[in-house]
Amino acid sequence: MPDSLFQTLTAEANSAGITRRTIQARDWFIKRVRSITNVNRRQLLKDPVLITKNRPLPGKMFMFVYDPKGKAELPYYDKFPLILMVGPAEGGFYGLNLHYLNPFMRAKFLDKLMQYASSKELNENTKIRMSYQMLTAASKLKEFGPCFKHYLKDHIRSTIEMVPATEWDIACFMPLEQFTKKDKNFVWKESKSMI
């Protein structure tokens, strides 16, 4: 069984006396996780903490390799989305790809979304109760705009891996975004201007 990057980072945080889901933890994880410069994304999909799913479930977090339809016309896109699944859509599903926000904005957005979590205790049953209607109606969730994407099942080029809720904060900060045509700083600036 391969080593788990998630478990390694959790052990490091515990050794440093970091309490998860605090501002101190956010700052620590941003600094530590962003120092990881080259993550093998395909290898990460085999991390023993992740759970392979045939299809994503609403309110849960997933990562996968993606090759979008009509990519020639897109100004940019993420080949390795990290999404919170919103709901089913024609040919696939809608998801909030957190990579379209910089790490600080991701953390704040995830904190806001946690207000809609099925439970305050993060465990295997935790999910975020959300819909497109709820996202558009909640003025405090305006970050959803640049993140909301339609993913086609036939364009997923890997397994679909579920990130357990206990690992959402770590996944949120990992440098996994893989934008094509534009770099991440350009995308993050565009997203910020949309918000």
Foldseek 3Di string as FASTA:
>chain_A
DDAAPLVVVVVVCVVVVHDPPDPVNLVVLLVVQVVPPDDPLQVNLVHPQWDFDPADDAQFWKWFAFDDDPPVPDLKDWRIFTWHWAAADVQHGKTFGLLLAALVVSSVLVVVQCVQWPDPDFFQPIGGHHHPVRCVPDPVNQLSVLRIDGGHPVGTDGTIITRGRVRVSNVSNHPRTDMPNDDSVVSNVVSVVSD
